[in-house]
Amino acid sequence: MASLDLVPPGQDLSAANVTAYPLLQQATRLDSWPRWLRARGAAATERVHGPSFEHFSMLIEAALTGMGVAVVPTVFVAGELESGRLAAPFGPAVPTGQGYYLVYPESRAQQPAVAKLRDWLIGT
């Protein structure tokens, strides 16, 4: 993801030219950029140098302010993409094989709060 001030609308970033920008990273997912680069057919080391942030919210804020470009799960920036505050100039998302899971006892599956959260998550 990138701010429109940093990467003008309509400009696509490929694996060959993305490294001209600061690569912002999430501290617990330092493999995101190497995975993205490999998925796009570029040689990648196991580590990319660039600022790292502890939380996705901090990473997203850094991208919004134009500090660099970031690889972020689309679900976390859907509002920013829809409003035009951020652009996704990288092409289609790269599957990570990682996910989030909602776990609850089967006996609570029909409780209104559990059902409402589950239905909301499935709908996003």
C-alpha atoms as a PDB file:
ATOM      1  CA  MET A   1       0.000   0.000   0.000  1.00  0.00           C
ATOM      2  CA  ALA A   2       1.141   3.528  -0.637  1.00  0.00           C
ATOM      3  CA  SER A   3      -0.093   7.073  -0.234  1.00  0.00           C
ATOM      4  CA  LEU A   4      -1.177   8.795  -3.420  1.00  0.00           C
ATOM      5  CA  ASP A   5       1.369  11.523  -2.668  1.00  0.00           C
ATOM      6  CA  LEU A   6       4.191   8.986  -2.815  1.00  0.00           C
ATOM      7  CA  VAL A   7       2.945   6.841  -5.703  1.00  0.00           C
ATOM      8  CA  PRO A   8       0.747   8.810  -8.120  1.00  0.00           C
ATOM      9  CA  PRO A   9      -2.580   7.279  -9.195  1.00  0.00           C
ATOM     10  CA  GLY A  10      -2.180   4.913 -12.121  1.00  0.00           C
ATOM     11  CA  GLN A  11       1.486   4.199 -11.450  1.00  0.00           C
ATOM     12  CA  ASP A  12       2.056   0.498 -10.896  1.00  0.00           C
ATOM     13  CA  LEU A  13       4.963  -0.779  -8.857  1.00  0.00           C
ATOM     14  CA  SER A  14       6.645  -3.945 -10.017  1.00  0.00           C
ATOM     15  CA  ALA A  15       9.172  -6.057  -8.193  1.00  0.00           C
ATOM     16  CA  ALA A  16      11.826  -4.288 -10.251  1.00  0.00           C
ATOM     17  CA  ASN A  17      10.923  -0.741  -9.223  1.00  0.00           C
ATOM     18  CA  VAL A  18       9.334  -1.085  -5.776  1.00  0.00           C
ATOM     19  CA  THR A  19      12.732  -1.156  -4.080  1.00  0.00           C
ATOM     20  CA  ALA A  20      13.286   2.467  -5.158  1.00  0.00           C
ATOM     21  CA  TYR A  21      10.942   3.352  -2.278  1.00  0.00           C
ATOM     22  CA  PRO A  22      11.439   2.798   1.448  1.00  0.00           C
ATOM     23  CA  LEU A  23       9.962  -0.626   2.245  1.00  0.00           C
ATOM     24  CA  LEU A  24       7.926  -0.384   5.437  1.00  0.00           C
ATOM     25  CA  GLN A  25       7.621  -3.597   7.424  1.00  0.00           C
ATOM     26  CA  GLN A  26       5.533  -5.098  10.199  1.00  0.00           C
ATOM     27  CA  ALA A  27       7.907  -6.261  12.938  1.00  0.00           C
ATOM     28  CA  THR A  28       6.357  -9.703  13.385  1.00  0.00           C
ATOM     29  CA  ARG A  29       6.060 -10.346   9.637  1.00  0.00           C
ATOM     30  CA  LEU A  30       9.484  -9.491   8.314  1.00  0.00           C
ATOM     31  CA  ASP A  31       9.012 -12.133   5.637  1.00  0.00           C
ATOM     32  CA  SER A  32       6.216 -10.169   3.905  1.00  0.00           C
ATOM     33  CA  TRP A  33       8.414  -8.264   1.462  1.00  0.00           C
ATOM     34  CA  PRO A  34      10.643 -11.231   0.545  1.00  0.00           C
ATOM     35  CA  ARG A  35       7.500 -13.353   0.002  1.00  0.00           C
ATOM     36  CA  TRP A  36       5.930 -10.616  -2.141  1.00  0.00           C
ATOM     37  CA  LEU A  37       9.106 -10.166  -4.197  1.00  0.00           C
ATOM     38  CA  ARG A  38       9.435 -13.929  -4.807  1.00  0.00           C
ATOM     39  CA  ALA A  39       5.748 -14.161  -5.785  1.00  0.00           C
ATOM     40  CA  ARG A  40       6.397 -11.459  -8.380  1.00  0.00           C
ATOM     41  CA  GLY A  41       9.377 -13.346  -9.791  1.00  0.00           C
ATOM     42  CA  ALA A  42      12.158 -11.254  -8.258  1.00  0.00           C
ATOM     43  CA  ALA A  43      15.136 -12.545  -6.368  1.00  0.00           C
ATOM     44  CA  ALA A  44      14.733 -11.789  -2.690  1.00  0.00           C
ATOM     45  CA  THR A  45      16.877 -12.150   0.343  1.00  0.00           C
ATOM     46  CA  GLU A  46      15.354 -13.367   3.576  1.00  0.00           C
ATOM     47  CA  ARG A  47      15.461  -9.837   5.005  1.00  0.00           C
ATOM     48  CA  VAL A  48      14.579  -6.471   3.545  1.00  0.00           C
ATOM     49  CA  HIS A  49      15.998  -3.308   5.042  1.00  0.00           C
ATOM     50  CA  GLY A  50      13.543  -0.604   5.988  1.00  0.00           C
ATOM     51  CA  PRO A  51      11.657   0.811   8.941  1.00  0.00           C
ATOM     52  CA  SER A  52       9.613  -1.709  10.895  1.00  0.00           C
ATOM     53  CA  PHE A  53       6.584  -1.098  13.046  1.00  0.00           C
ATOM     54  CA  GLU A  54       5.196  -3.179  15.876  1.00  0.00           C
ATOM     55  CA  HIS A  55       1.527  -3.000  14.890  1.00  0.00           C
ATOM     56  CA  PHE A  56      -0.314  -2.939  11.583  1.00  0.00           C
ATOM     57  CA  SER A  57      -2.003   0.321  12.638  1.00  0.00           C
ATOM     58  CA  MET A  58       1.419   1.962  12.926  1.00  0.00           C
ATOM     59  CA  LEU A  59       2.520   0.523   9.588  1.00  0.00           C
ATOM     60  CA  ILE A  60      -0.643   1.769   7.891  1.00  0.00           C
ATOM     61  CA  GLU A  61      -0.207   5.235   9.400  1.00  0.00           C
ATOM     62  CA  ALA A  62       3.386   5.339   8.128  1.00  0.00           C
ATOM     63  CA  ALA A  63       2.166   4.451   4.621  1.00  0.00           C
ATOM     64  CA  LEU A  64      -0.590   7.086   4.856  1.00  0.00           C
ATOM     65  CA  THR A  65       1.965   9.774   5.694  1.00  0.00           C
ATOM     66  CA  GLY A  66       4.137   8.816   2.714  1.00  0.00           C
ATOM     67  CA  MET A  67       7.050   7.309   4.648  1.00  0.00           C
ATOM     68  CA  GLY A  68       7.245   4.426   2.175  1.00  0.00           C
ATOM     69  CA  VAL A  69       5.310   1.510   0.746  1.00  0.00           C
ATOM     70  CA  ALA A  70       3.921  -1.383   2.755  1.00  0.00           C
ATOM     71  CA  VAL A  71       2.622  -4.910   2.323  1.00  0.00           C
ATOM     72  CA  VAL A  72      -0.531  -5.094   4.441  1.00  0.00           C
ATOM     73  CA  PRO A  73      -3.446  -7.539   4.488  1.00  0.00           C
ATOM     74  CA  THR A  74      -6.157  -5.915   2.386  1.00  0.00           C
ATOM     75  CA  VAL A  75      -8.784  -6.393   5.088  1.00  0.00           C
ATOM     76  CA  PHE A  76      -6.893  -3.934   7.310  1.00  0.00           C
ATOM     77  CA  VAL A  77      -6.893  -1.131   4.724  1.00  0.00           C
ATOM     78  CA  ALA A  78     -10.200  -1.652   2.910  1.00  0.00           C
ATOM     79  CA  GLY A  79     -11.551   1.695   4.130  1.00  0.00           C
ATOM     80  CA  GLU A  80      -8.395   3.592   3.156  1.00  0.00           C
ATOM     81  CA  LEU A  81      -8.401   1.983  -0.295  1.00  0.00           C
ATOM     82  CA  GLU A  82     -12.095   2.719  -0.820  1.00  0.00           C
ATOM     83  CA  SER A  83     -11.722   6.353   0.271  1.00  0.00           C
ATOM     84  CA  GLY A  84      -8.636   6.855  -1.895  1.00  0.00           C
ATOM     85  CA  ARG A  85      -6.362   7.637   1.042  1.00  0.00           C
ATOM     86  CA  LEU A  86      -4.175   4.665   0.029  1.00  0.00           C
ATOM     87  CA  ALA A  87      -3.489   2.976  -3.282  1.00  0.00           C
ATOM     88  CA  ALA A  88      -2.591  -0.635  -4.017  1.00  0.00           C
ATOM     89  CA  PRO A  89      -0.132  -0.182  -6.886  1.00  0.00           C
ATOM     90  CA  PHE A  90       1.265  -3.706  -6.595  1.00  0.00           C
ATOM     91  CA  GLY A  91      -1.262  -5.753  -8.533  1.00  0.00           C
ATOM     92  CA  PRO A  92      -3.234  -8.638  -7.063  1.00  0.00           C
ATOM     93  CA  ALA A  93      -2.773  -9.677  -3.448  1.00  0.00           C
ATOM     94  CA  VAL A  94      -0.228 -12.390  -2.712  1.00  0.00           C
ATOM     95  CA  PRO A  95      -1.630 -15.299  -0.672  1.00  0.00           C
ATOM     96  CA  THR A  96       0.320 -15.789   2.546  1.00  0.00           C
ATOM     97  CA  GLY A  97      -1.009 -19.086   3.809  1.00  0.00           C
ATOM     98  CA  GLN A  98      -1.618 -17.296   7.101  1.00  0.00           C
ATOM     99  CA  GLY A  99      -4.979 -16.419   8.528  1.00  0.00           C
ATOM    100  CA  TYR A 100      -7.056 -15.480  11.485  1.00  0.00           C
ATOM    101  CA  TYR A 101      -9.373 -17.920  13.190  1.00  0.00           C
ATOM    102  CA  LEU A 102     -12.378 -17.560  15.419  1.00  0.00           C
ATOM    103  CA  VAL A 103     -12.421 -20.397  17.934  1.00  0.00           C
ATOM    104  CA  TYR A 104     -15.255 -21.004  20.336  1.00  0.00           C
ATOM    105  CA  PRO A 105     -16.847 -23.970  22.106  1.00  0.00           C
ATOM    106  CA  GLU A 106     -19.478 -25.676  19.978  1.00  0.00           C
ATOM    107  CA  SER A 107     -21.895 -25.296  22.886  1.00  0.00           C
ATOM    108  CA  ARG A 108     -21.759 -21.501  22.413  1.00  0.00           C
ATOM    109  CA  ALA A 109     -22.192 -21.458  18.646  1.00  0.00           C
ATOM    110  CA  GLN A 110     -25.778 -20.201  18.858  1.00  0.00           C
ATOM    111  CA  GLN A 111     -25.196 -17.490  21.433  1.00  0.00           C
ATOM    112  CA  PRO A 112     -26.183 -14.172  19.848  1.00  0.00           C
ATOM    113  CA  ALA A 113     -22.813 -12.464  20.403  1.00  0.00           C
ATOM    114  CA  VAL A 114     -20.855 -15.393  18.972  1.00  0.00           C
ATOM    115  CA  ALA A 115     -23.204 -15.780  16.009  1.00  0.00           C
ATOM    116  CA  LYS A 116     -23.114 -12.043  15.278  1.00  0.00           C
ATOM    117  CA  LEU A 117     -19.294 -11.913  15.342  1.00  0.00           C
ATOM    118  CA  ARG A 118     -18.984 -15.074  13.238  1.00  0.00           C
ATOM    119  CA  ASP A 119     -21.449 -13.786  10.651  1.00  0.00           C
ATOM    120  CA  TRP A 120     -19.680 -10.423  10.495  1.00  0.00           C
ATOM    121  CA  LEU A 121     -16.281 -12.062  10.001  1.00  0.00           C
ATOM    122  CA  ILE A 122     -17.578 -14.338   7.262  1.00  0.00           C
ATOM    123  CA  GLY A 123     -19.124 -11.344   5.528  1.00  0.00           C
ATOM    124  CA  THR A 124     -15.880  -9.346   5.377  1.00  0.00           C
END
